[in-house]
Amino acid sequence: MITVTFITNDNKTVTLEEGGSLLRISLREKGGIPYRCGGGICGTCKCRIEQGIANTDAIKAKERKHLTEEDFANNYRMACQTFITGDVSVSWTPKKVN
């Protein structure tokens, strides 16, 4: 079983039988990660892997268009491009309410 904790969403925790992309998990489980396109084009789903970065797959070319090497060094990823294989805790900057 895999546990995903959505820190920015009041530490909502879900348990899954298998991994997948962080964005798909967030959508299915109402985790709250913000998104627009879902395909690596906009960069809206930028998030930080607070725990479990070793349980994520390799950085994709689409992520390199939106995130810097400093971002990667600080465990930032794009949720739509990041697939998990084990437990992770994730946070993000909440959308501003107008």
PDB file of N, CA and C in Angstrom:
ATOM      1  N   MET A   1       0.836  -1.180   0.000  1.00  0.00           N
ATOM      2  CA  MET A   1       0.000   0.000   0.000  1.00  0.00           C
ATOM      3  C   MET A   1       0.886   1.251   0.000  1.00  0.00           C
ATOM      4  N   ILE A   2       0.400   2.277  -0.656  1.00  0.00           N
ATOM      5  CA  ILE A   2       1.109   3.552  -0.765  1.00  0.00           C
ATOM      6  C   ILE A   2       0.281   4.625  -0.070  1.00  0.00           C
ATOM      7  N   THR A   3       0.940   5.474   0.694  1.00  0.00           N
ATOM      8  CA  THR A   3       0.267   6.572   1.382  1.00  0.00           C
ATOM      9  C   THR A   3       0.723   7.889   0.771  1.00  0.00           C
ATOM     10  N   VAL A   4      -0.254   8.747   0.441  1.00  0.00           N
ATOM     11  CA  VAL A   4       0.028  10.094  -0.060  1.00  0.00           C
ATOM     12  C   VAL A   4      -0.597  11.080   0.918  1.00  0.00           C
ATOM     13  N   THR A   5       0.217  12.020   1.390  1.00  0.00           N
ATOM     14  CA  THR A   5      -0.269  13.061   2.287  1.00  0.00           C
ATOM     15  C   THR A   5      -0.234  14.387   1.548  1.00  0.00           C
ATOM     16  N   PHE A   6      -1.381  15.041   1.465  1.00  0.00           N
ATOM     17  CA  PHE A   6      -1.521  16.350   0.820  1.00  0.00           C
ATOM     18  C   PHE A   6      -1.435  17.400   1.925  1.00  0.00           C
ATOM     19  N   ILE A   7      -0.229  17.833   2.225  1.00  0.00           N
ATOM     20  CA  ILE A   7       0.037  18.716   3.362  1.00  0.00           C
ATOM     21  C   ILE A   7      -0.788  19.997   3.288  1.00  0.00           C
ATOM     22  N   THR A   8      -0.810  20.635   2.134  1.00  0.00           N
ATOM     23  CA  THR A   8      -1.494  21.915   1.987  1.00  0.00           C
ATOM     24  C   THR A   8      -3.012  21.779   2.119  1.00  0.00           C
ATOM     25  N   ASN A   9      -3.519  20.580   1.978  1.00  0.00           N
ATOM     26  CA  ASN A   9      -4.956  20.309   2.110  1.00  0.00           C
ATOM     27  C   ASN A   9      -5.209  19.693   3.492  1.00  0.00           C
ATOM     28  N   ASP A  10      -4.821  20.424   4.532  1.00  0.00           N
ATOM     29  CA  ASP A  10      -5.030  19.998   5.921  1.00  0.00           C
ATOM     30  C   ASP A  10      -4.478  18.610   6.213  1.00  0.00           C
ATOM     31  N   ASN A  11      -3.347  18.280   5.600  1.00  0.00           N
ATOM     32  CA  ASN A  11      -2.695  16.983   5.799  1.00  0.00           C
ATOM     33  C   ASN A  11      -3.590  15.803   5.434  1.00  0.00           C
ATOM     34  N   LYS A  12      -4.440  16.012   4.448  1.00  0.00           N
ATOM     35  CA  LYS A  12      -5.301  14.906   3.994  1.00  0.00           C
ATOM     36  C   LYS A  12      -4.409  13.746   3.565  1.00  0.00           C
ATOM     37  N   THR A  13      -4.727  12.559   4.052  1.00  0.00           N
ATOM     38  CA  THR A  13      -3.934  11.376   3.752  1.00  0.00           C
ATOM     39  C   THR A  13      -4.811  10.329   3.089  1.00  0.00           C
ATOM     40  N   VAL A  14      -4.296   9.749   2.012  1.00  0.00           N
ATOM     41  CA  VAL A  14      -5.003   8.682   1.313  1.00  0.00           C
ATOM     42  C   VAL A  14      -4.070   7.488   1.170  1.00  0.00           C
ATOM     43  N   THR A  15      -4.663   6.314   1.141  1.00  0.00           N
ATOM     44  CA  THR A  15      -3.905   5.082   0.968  1.00  0.00           C
ATOM     45  C   THR A  15      -4.356   4.429  -0.324  1.00  0.00           C
ATOM     46  N   LEU A  16      -3.382   4.031  -1.136  1.00  0.00           N
ATOM     47  CA  LEU A  16      -3.656   3.479  -2.454  1.00  0.00           C
ATOM     48  C   LEU A  16      -3.001   2.118  -2.596  1.00  0.00           C
ATOM     49  N   GLU A  17      -3.569   1.302  -3.464  1.00  0.00           N
ATOM     50  CA  GLU A  17      -2.967  -0.004  -3.728  1.00  0.00           C
ATOM     51  C   GLU A  17      -1.742   0.121  -4.619  1.00  0.00           C
ATOM     52  N   GLU A  18      -1.745   1.110  -5.519  1.00  0.00           N
ATOM     53  CA  GLU A  18      -0.601   1.324  -6.405  1.00  0.00           C
ATOM     54  C   GLU A  18      -0.459   2.807  -6.687  1.00  0.00           C
ATOM     55  N   GLY A  19       0.697   3.172  -7.219  1.00  0.00           N
ATOM     56  CA  GLY A  19       0.972   4.573  -7.500  1.00  0.00           C
ATOM     57  C   GLY A  19       0.326   5.042  -8.788  1.00  0.00           C
ATOM     58  N   GLY A  20       0.817   6.145  -9.284  1.00  0.00           N
ATOM     59  CA  GLY A  20       0.335   6.791 -10.489  1.00  0.00           C
ATOM     60  C   GLY A  20       0.884   8.199 -10.470  1.00  0.00           C
ATOM     61  N   SER A  21       0.379   9.058 -11.333  1.00  0.00           N
ATOM     62  CA  SER A  21       0.853  10.444 -11.294  1.00  0.00           C
ATOM     63  C   SER A  21       0.227  11.141 -10.094  1.00  0.00           C
ATOM     64  N   LEU A  22       0.982  12.043  -9.501  1.00  0.00           N
ATOM     65  CA  LEU A  22       0.468  12.785  -8.349  1.00  0.00           C
ATOM     66  C   LEU A  22      -0.799  13.551  -8.703  1.00  0.00           C
ATOM     67  N   LEU A  23      -0.855  14.099  -9.913  1.00  0.00           N
ATOM     68  CA  LEU A  23      -2.040  14.864 -10.286  1.00  0.00           C
ATOM     69  C   LEU A  23      -3.268  13.956 -10.391  1.00  0.00           C
ATOM     70  N   ARG A  24      -3.137  12.818 -11.030  1.00  0.00           N
ATOM     71  CA  ARG A  24      -4.284  11.905 -11.142  1.00  0.00           C
ATOM     72  C   ARG A  24      -4.756  11.428  -9.775  1.00  0.00           C
ATOM     73  N   ILE A  25      -3.811  11.146  -8.895  1.00  0.00           N
ATOM     74  CA  ILE A  25      -4.176  10.747  -7.538  1.00  0.00           C
ATOM     75  C   ILE A  25      -4.902  11.887  -6.839  1.00  0.00           C
ATOM     76  N   SER A  26      -4.379  13.097  -6.989  1.00  0.00           N
ATOM     77  CA  SER A  26      -5.004  14.269  -6.376  1.00  0.00           C
ATOM     78  C   SER A  26      -6.424  14.479  -6.901  1.00  0.00           C
ATOM     79  N   LEU A  27      -6.615  14.344  -8.191  1.00  0.00           N
ATOM     80  CA  LEU A  27      -7.955  14.517  -8.761  1.00  0.00           C
ATOM     81  C   LEU A  27      -8.907  13.439  -8.251  1.00  0.00           C
ATOM     82  N   ARG A  28      -8.460  12.208  -8.272  1.00  0.00           N
ATOM     83  CA  ARG A  28      -9.310  11.080  -7.865  1.00  0.00           C
ATOM     84  C   ARG A  28      -9.663  11.145  -6.376  1.00  0.00           C
ATOM     85  N   GLU A  29      -8.706  11.575  -5.564  1.00  0.00           N
ATOM     86  CA  GLU A  29      -8.882  11.547  -4.110  1.00  0.00           C
ATOM     87  C   GLU A  29      -9.197  12.925  -3.512  1.00  0.00           C
ATOM     88  N   LYS A  30      -9.422  13.918  -4.380  1.00  0.00           N
ATOM     89  CA  LYS A  30      -9.710  15.290  -3.937  1.00  0.00           C
ATOM     90  C   LYS A  30      -8.595  15.835  -3.036  1.00  0.00           C
ATOM     91  N   GLY A  31      -7.355  15.643  -3.523  1.00  0.00           N
ATOM     92  CA  GLY A  31      -6.184  16.098  -2.779  1.00  0.00           C
ATOM     93  C   GLY A  31      -5.970  17.593  -2.834  1.00  0.00           C
ATOM     94  N   GLY A  32      -6.394  18.239  -3.921  1.00  0.00           N
ATOM     95  CA  GLY A  32      -6.343  19.692  -3.995  1.00  0.00           C
ATOM     96  C   GLY A  32      -5.170  20.310  -4.728  1.00  0.00           C
ATOM     97  N   ILE A  33      -4.287  19.513  -5.321  1.00  0.00           N
ATOM     98  CA  ILE A  33      -3.173  20.106  -6.058  1.00  0.00           C
ATOM     99  C   ILE A  33      -3.741  20.919  -7.224  1.00  0.00           C
ATOM    100  N   PRO A  34      -3.364  22.201  -7.342  1.00  0.00           N
ATOM    101  CA  PRO A  34      -3.908  23.021  -8.436  1.00  0.00           C
ATOM    102  C   PRO A  34      -3.388  22.549  -9.793  1.00  0.00           C
ATOM    103  N   TYR A  35      -4.209  22.714 -10.810  1.00  0.00           N
ATOM    104  CA  TYR A  35      -3.807  22.321 -12.166  1.00  0.00           C
ATOM    105  C   TYR A  35      -4.632  23.116 -13.159  1.00  0.00           C
ATOM    106  N   ARG A  36      -4.164  23.138 -14.393  1.00  0.00           N
ATOM    107  CA  ARG A  36      -4.895  23.753 -15.480  1.00  0.00           C
ATOM    108  C   ARG A  36      -4.987  22.780 -16.653  1.00  0.00           C
ATOM    109  N   CYS A  37      -3.828  22.374 -17.166  1.00  0.00           N
ATOM    110  CA  CYS A  37      -3.841  21.575 -18.392  1.00  0.00           C
ATOM    111  C   CYS A  37      -3.747  20.072 -18.141  1.00  0.00           C
ATOM    112  N   GLY A  38      -3.013  19.662 -17.130  1.00  0.00           N
ATOM    113  CA  GLY A  38      -2.849  18.253 -16.833  1.00  0.00           C
ATOM    114  C   GLY A  38      -1.871  17.519 -17.730  1.00  0.00           C
ATOM    115  N   GLY A  39      -1.186  18.251 -18.620  1.00  0.00           N
ATOM    116  CA  GLY A  39      -0.301  17.581 -19.568  1.00  0.00           C
ATOM    117  C   GLY A  39       1.116  18.118 -19.633  1.00  0.00           C
ATOM    118  N   GLY A  40       1.529  18.906 -18.655  1.00  0.00           N
ATOM    119  CA  GLY A  40       2.904  19.396 -18.642  1.00  0.00           C
ATOM    120  C   GLY A  40       3.144  20.642 -19.465  1.00  0.00           C
ATOM    121  N   ILE A  41       2.094  21.318 -19.856  1.00  0.00           N
ATOM    122  CA  ILE A  41       2.236  22.509 -20.695  1.00  0.00           C
ATOM    123  C   ILE A  41       2.256  23.801 -19.884  1.00  0.00           C
ATOM    124  N   CYS A  42       1.452  23.868 -18.815  1.00  0.00           N
ATOM    125  CA  CYS A  42       1.276  25.153 -18.128  1.00  0.00           C
ATOM    126  C   CYS A  42       2.142  25.353 -16.887  1.00  0.00           C
ATOM    127  N   GLY A  43       2.513  24.296 -16.187  1.00  0.00           N
ATOM    128  CA  GLY A  43       3.317  24.423 -14.980  1.00  0.00           C
ATOM    129  C   GLY A  43       2.523  24.750 -13.724  1.00  0.00           C
ATOM    130  N   THR A  44       1.209  24.796 -13.816  1.00  0.00           N
ATOM    131  CA  THR A  44       0.362  25.157 -12.680  1.00  0.00           C
ATOM    132  C   THR A  44       0.471  24.172 -11.528  1.00  0.00           C
ATOM    133  N   CYS A  45       0.732  22.920 -11.814  1.00  0.00           N
ATOM    134  CA  CYS A  45       0.728  21.879 -10.778  1.00  0.00           C
ATOM    135  C   CYS A  45       2.072  21.721 -10.073  1.00  0.00           C
ATOM    136  N   LYS A  46       2.896  22.761 -10.098  1.00  0.00           N
ATOM    137  CA  LYS A  46       4.179  22.728  -9.390  1.00  0.00           C
ATOM    138  C   LYS A  46       3.929  22.440  -7.908  1.00  0.00           C
ATOM    139  N   CYS A  47       4.631  21.459  -7.394  1.00  0.00           N
ATOM    140  CA  CYS A  47       4.464  21.097  -5.997  1.00  0.00           C
ATOM    141  C   CYS A  47       5.814  20.671  -5.422  1.00  0.00           C
ATOM    142  N   ARG A  48       5.862  20.567  -4.117  1.00  0.00           N
ATOM    143  CA  ARG A  48       7.107  20.175  -3.455  1.00  0.00           C
ATOM    144  C   ARG A  48       6.905  18.837  -2.761  1.00  0.00           C
ATOM    145  N   ILE A  49       7.790  17.912  -3.040  1.00  0.00           N
ATOM    146  CA  ILE A  49       7.763  16.620  -2.376  1.00  0.00           C
ATOM    147  C   ILE A  49       8.483  16.811  -1.040  1.00  0.00           C
ATOM    148  N   GLU A  50       7.718  16.918   0.022  1.00  0.00           N
ATOM    149  CA  GLU A  50       8.287  17.184   1.346  1.00  0.00           C
ATOM    150  C   GLU A  50       8.946  15.932   1.929  1.00  0.00           C
ATOM    151  N   GLN A  51       8.364  14.781   1.657  1.00  0.00           N
ATOM    152  CA  GLN A  51       8.937  13.513   2.090  1.00  0.00           C
ATOM    153  C   GLN A  51       8.711  12.492   0.989  1.00  0.00           C
ATOM    154  N   GLY A  52       9.687  11.633   0.775  1.00  0.00           N
ATOM    155  CA  GLY A  52       9.527  10.549  -0.176  1.00  0.00           C
ATOM    156  C   GLY A  52      10.003  10.840  -1.585  1.00  0.00           C
ATOM    157  N   ILE A  53      10.910  11.792  -1.769  1.00  0.00           N
ATOM    158  CA  ILE A  53      11.391  12.115  -3.116  1.00  0.00           C
ATOM    159  C   ILE A  53      11.987  10.879  -3.798  1.00  0.00           C
ATOM    160  N   ALA A  54      12.546   9.964  -3.023  1.00  0.00           N
ATOM    161  CA  ALA A  54      13.111   8.736  -3.601  1.00  0.00           C
ATOM    162  C   ALA A  54      12.022   7.831  -4.187  1.00  0.00           C
ATOM    163  N   ASN A  55      10.780   8.090  -3.831  1.00  0.00           N
ATOM    164  CA  ASN A  55       9.654   7.297  -4.331  1.00  0.00           C
ATOM    165  C   ASN A  55       9.002   7.920  -5.556  1.00  0.00           C
ATOM    166  N   THR A  56       9.749   8.808  -6.237  1.00  0.00           N
ATOM    167  CA  THR A  56       9.251   9.424  -7.467  1.00  0.00           C
ATOM    168  C   THR A  56      10.125   8.998  -8.637  1.00  0.00           C
ATOM    169  N   ASP A  57       9.574   9.118  -9.837  1.00  0.00           N
ATOM    170  CA  ASP A  57      10.333   8.727 -11.026  1.00  0.00           C
ATOM    171  C   ASP A  57      11.257   9.851 -11.482  1.00  0.00           C
ATOM    172  N   ALA A  58      11.942   9.637 -12.582  1.00  0.00           N
ATOM    173  CA  ALA A  58      12.915  10.606 -13.101  1.00  0.00           C
ATOM    174  C   ALA A  58      12.234  11.883 -13.590  1.00  0.00           C
ATOM    175  N   ILE A  59      12.966  12.984 -13.509  1.00  0.00           N
ATOM    176  CA  ILE A  59      12.490  14.287 -13.985  1.00  0.00           C
ATOM    177  C   ILE A  59      12.290  14.211 -15.497  1.00  0.00           C
ATOM    178  N   LYS A  60      11.176  14.749 -15.970  1.00  0.00           N
ATOM    179  CA  LYS A  60      10.825  14.712 -17.394  1.00  0.00           C
ATOM    180  C   LYS A  60      11.238  16.011 -18.095  1.00  0.00           C
ATOM    181  N   ALA A  61      11.366  15.944 -19.410  1.00  0.00           N
ATOM    182  CA  ALA A  61      11.731  17.117 -20.214  1.00  0.00           C
ATOM    183  C   ALA A  61      10.702  18.231 -20.055  1.00  0.00           C
ATOM    184  N   LYS A  62       9.435  17.893 -19.953  1.00  0.00           N
ATOM    185  CA  LYS A  62       8.399  18.925 -19.788  1.00  0.00           C
ATOM    186  C   LYS A  62       8.582  19.688 -18.484  1.00  0.00           C
ATOM    187  N   GLU A  63       9.051  19.007 -17.451  1.00  0.00           N
ATOM    188  CA  GLU A  63       9.287  19.689 -16.183  1.00  0.00           C
ATOM    189  C   GLU A  63      10.433  20.683 -16.304  1.00  0.00           C
ATOM    190  N   ARG A  64      11.428  20.331 -17.088  1.00  0.00           N
ATOM    191  CA  ARG A  64      12.590  21.210 -17.256  1.00  0.00           C
ATOM    192  C   ARG A  64      12.216  22.531 -17.933  1.00  0.00           C
ATOM    193  N   LYS A  65      11.095  22.580 -18.621  1.00  0.00           N
ATOM    194  CA  LYS A  65      10.643  23.826 -19.263  1.00  0.00           C
ATOM    195  C   LYS A  65      10.046  24.794 -18.250  1.00  0.00           C
ATOM    196  N   HIS A  66       9.619  24.287 -17.105  1.00  0.00           N
ATOM    197  CA  HIS A  66       8.935  25.125 -16.115  1.00  0.00           C
ATOM    198  C   HIS A  66       9.683  25.277 -14.797  1.00  0.00           C
ATOM    199  N   LEU A  67      10.551  24.326 -14.488  1.00  0.00           N
ATOM    200  CA  LEU A  67      11.242  24.344 -13.212  1.00  0.00           C
ATOM    201  C   LEU A  67      12.750  24.475 -13.422  1.00  0.00           C
ATOM    202  N   THR A  68      13.411  25.070 -12.451  1.00  0.00           N
ATOM    203  CA  THR A  68      14.857  25.291 -12.532  1.00  0.00           C
ATOM    204  C   THR A  68      15.604  24.166 -11.810  1.00  0.00           C
ATOM    205  N   GLU A  69      16.900  24.124 -11.998  1.00  0.00           N
ATOM    206  CA  GLU A  69      17.720  23.150 -11.279  1.00  0.00           C
ATOM    207  C   GLU A  69      17.614  23.381  -9.773  1.00  0.00           C
ATOM    208  N   GLU A  70      17.489  24.636  -9.380  1.00  0.00           N
ATOM    209  CA  GLU A  70      17.298  24.956  -7.953  1.00  0.00           C
ATOM    210  C   GLU A  70      15.979  24.368  -7.457  1.00  0.00           C
ATOM    211  N   ASP A  71      14.916  24.487  -8.278  1.00  0.00           N
ATOM    212  CA  ASP A  71      13.634  23.875  -7.913  1.00  0.00           C
ATOM    213  C   ASP A  71      13.803  22.374  -7.680  1.00  0.00           C
ATOM    214  N   PHE A  72      14.455  21.706  -8.623  1.00  0.00           N
ATOM    215  CA  PHE A  72      14.653  20.259  -8.492  1.00  0.00           C
ATOM    216  C   PHE A  72      15.465  19.931  -7.243  1.00  0.00           C
ATOM    217  N   ALA A  73      16.489  20.733  -6.962  1.00  0.00           N
ATOM    218  CA  ALA A  73      17.318  20.508  -5.775  1.00  0.00           C
ATOM    219  C   ALA A  73      16.508  20.655  -4.492  1.00  0.00           C
ATOM    220  N   ASN A  74      15.441  21.451  -4.553  1.00  0.00           N
ATOM    221  CA  ASN A  74      14.558  21.656  -3.399  1.00  0.00           C
ATOM    222  C   ASN A  74      13.316  20.772  -3.456  1.00  0.00           C
ATOM    223  N   ASN A  75      13.394  19.716  -4.265  1.00  0.00           N
ATOM    224  CA  ASN A  75      12.346  18.691  -4.378  1.00  0.00           C
ATOM    225  C   ASN A  75      11.028  19.181  -4.978  1.00  0.00           C
ATOM    226  N   TYR A  76      11.099  20.210  -5.837  1.00  0.00           N
ATOM    227  CA  TYR A  76       9.899  20.632  -6.572  1.00  0.00           C
ATOM    228  C   TYR A  76       9.742  19.776  -7.812  1.00  0.00           C
ATOM    229  N   ARG A  77       8.512  19.434  -8.113  1.00  0.00           N
ATOM    230  CA  ARG A  77       8.173  18.664  -9.312  1.00  0.00           C
ATOM    231  C   ARG A  77       6.832  19.171  -9.838  1.00  0.00           C
ATOM    232  N   MET A  78       6.476  18.728 -11.019  1.00  0.00           N
ATOM    233  CA  MET A  78       5.143  19.005 -11.566  1.00  0.00           C
ATOM    234  C   MET A  78       4.304  17.754 -11.327  1.00  0.00           C
ATOM    235  N   ALA A  79       3.173  17.923 -10.661  1.00  0.00           N
ATOM    236  CA  ALA A  79       2.353  16.774 -10.260  1.00  0.00           C
ATOM    237  C   ALA A  79       1.893  15.942 -11.446  1.00  0.00           C
ATOM    238  N   CYS A  80       1.633  16.579 -12.586  1.00  0.00           N
ATOM    239  CA  CYS A  80       1.138  15.839 -13.750  1.00  0.00           C
ATOM    240  C   CYS A  80       2.211  14.958 -14.377  1.00  0.00           C
ATOM    241  N   GLN A  81       3.471  15.251 -14.110  1.00  0.00           N
ATOM    242  CA  GLN A  81       4.581  14.516 -14.704  1.00  0.00           C
ATOM    243  C   GLN A  81       5.273  13.585 -13.720  1.00  0.00           C
ATOM    244  N   THR A  82       4.887  13.639 -12.463  1.00  0.00           N
ATOM    245  CA  THR A  82       5.562  12.884 -11.417  1.00  0.00           C
ATOM    246  C   THR A  82       4.758  11.654 -11.034  1.00  0.00           C
ATOM    247  N   PHE A  83       5.353  10.505 -11.244  1.00  0.00           N
ATOM    248  CA  PHE A  83       4.728   9.239 -10.883  1.00  0.00           C
ATOM    249  C   PHE A  83       5.390   8.718  -9.621  1.00  0.00           C
ATOM    250  N   ILE A  84       4.581   8.175  -8.717  1.00  0.00           N
ATOM    251  CA  ILE A  84       5.115   7.715  -7.443  1.00  0.00           C
ATOM    252  C   ILE A  84       5.086   6.190  -7.356  1.00  0.00           C
ATOM    253  N   THR A  85       6.035   5.679  -6.588  1.00  0.00           N
ATOM    254  CA  THR A  85       6.137   4.232  -6.389  1.00  0.00           C
ATOM    255  C   THR A  85       6.067   3.861  -4.911  1.00  0.00           C
ATOM    256  N   GLY A  86       5.959   4.866  -4.054  1.00  0.00           N
ATOM    257  CA  GLY A  86       5.906   4.638  -2.611  1.00  0.00           C
ATOM    258  C   GLY A  86       5.346   5.868  -1.922  1.00  0.00           C
ATOM    259  N   ASP A  87       5.419   5.885  -0.611  1.00  0.00           N
ATOM    260  CA  ASP A  87       4.839   6.956   0.197  1.00  0.00           C
ATOM    261  C   ASP A  87       5.467   8.310  -0.120  1.00  0.00           C
ATOM    262  N   VAL A  88       4.617   9.335  -0.207  1.00  0.00           N
ATOM    263  CA  VAL A  88       5.080  10.707  -0.386  1.00  0.00           C
ATOM    264  C   VAL A  88       4.185  11.660   0.400  1.00  0.00           C
ATOM    265  N   SER A  89       4.768  12.794   0.754  1.00  0.00           N
ATOM    266  CA  SER A  89       4.035  13.927   1.310  1.00  0.00           C
ATOM    267  C   SER A  89       4.313  15.098   0.387  1.00  0.00           C
ATOM    268  N   VAL A  90       3.264  15.815   0.011  1.00  0.00           N
ATOM    269  CA  VAL A  90       3.394  16.859  -0.994  1.00  0.00           C
ATOM    270  C   VAL A  90       2.718  18.151  -0.525  1.00  0.00           C
ATOM    271  N   SER A  91       3.343  19.288  -0.865  1.00  0.00           N
ATOM    272  CA  SER A  91       2.760  20.597  -0.557  1.00  0.00           C
ATOM    273  C   SER A  91       2.838  21.464  -1.806  1.00  0.00           C
ATOM    274  N   TRP A  92       2.118  22.575  -1.795  1.00  0.00           N
ATOM    275  CA  TRP A  92       2.107  23.500  -2.918  1.00  0.00           C
ATOM    276  C   TRP A  92       1.661  24.859  -2.418  1.00  0.00           C
ATOM    277  N   THR A  93       1.857  25.876  -3.247  1.00  0.00           N
ATOM    278  CA  THR A  93       1.402  27.218  -2.916  1.00  0.00           C
ATOM    279  C   THR A  93      -0.077  27.309  -3.282  1.00  0.00           C
ATOM    280  N   PRO A  94      -0.923  27.594  -2.302  1.00  0.00           N
ATOM    281  CA  PRO A  94      -2.359  27.672  -2.591  1.00  0.00           C
ATOM    282  C   PRO A  94      -2.663  28.768  -3.618  1.00  0.00           C
ATOM    283  N   LYS A  95      -3.709  28.523  -4.413  1.00  0.00           N
ATOM    284  CA  LYS A  95      -4.140  29.526  -5.385  1.00  0.00           C
ATOM    285  C   LYS A  95      -4.676  30.744  -4.635  1.00  0.00           C
ATOM    286  N   LYS A  96      -4.387  31.916  -5.185  1.00  0.00           N
ATOM    287  CA  LYS A  96      -4.889  33.152  -4.596  1.00  0.00           C
ATOM    288  C   LYS A  96      -6.357  33.314  -4.942  1.00  0.00           C
ATOM    289  N   VAL A  97      -7.143  33.683  -3.949  1.00  0.00           N
ATOM    290  CA  VAL A  97      -8.567  33.919  -4.158  1.00  0.00           C
ATOM    291  C   VAL A  97      -8.756  35.393  -4.469  1.00  0.00           C
ATOM    292  N   ASN A  98      -9.402  35.696  -5.589  1.00  0.00           N
ATOM    293  CA  ASN A  98      -9.631  37.097  -5.968  1.00  0.00           C
ATOM    294  C   ASN A  98     -10.905  37.613  -5.364  1.00  0.00           C
TER     295      ASN A  98
END
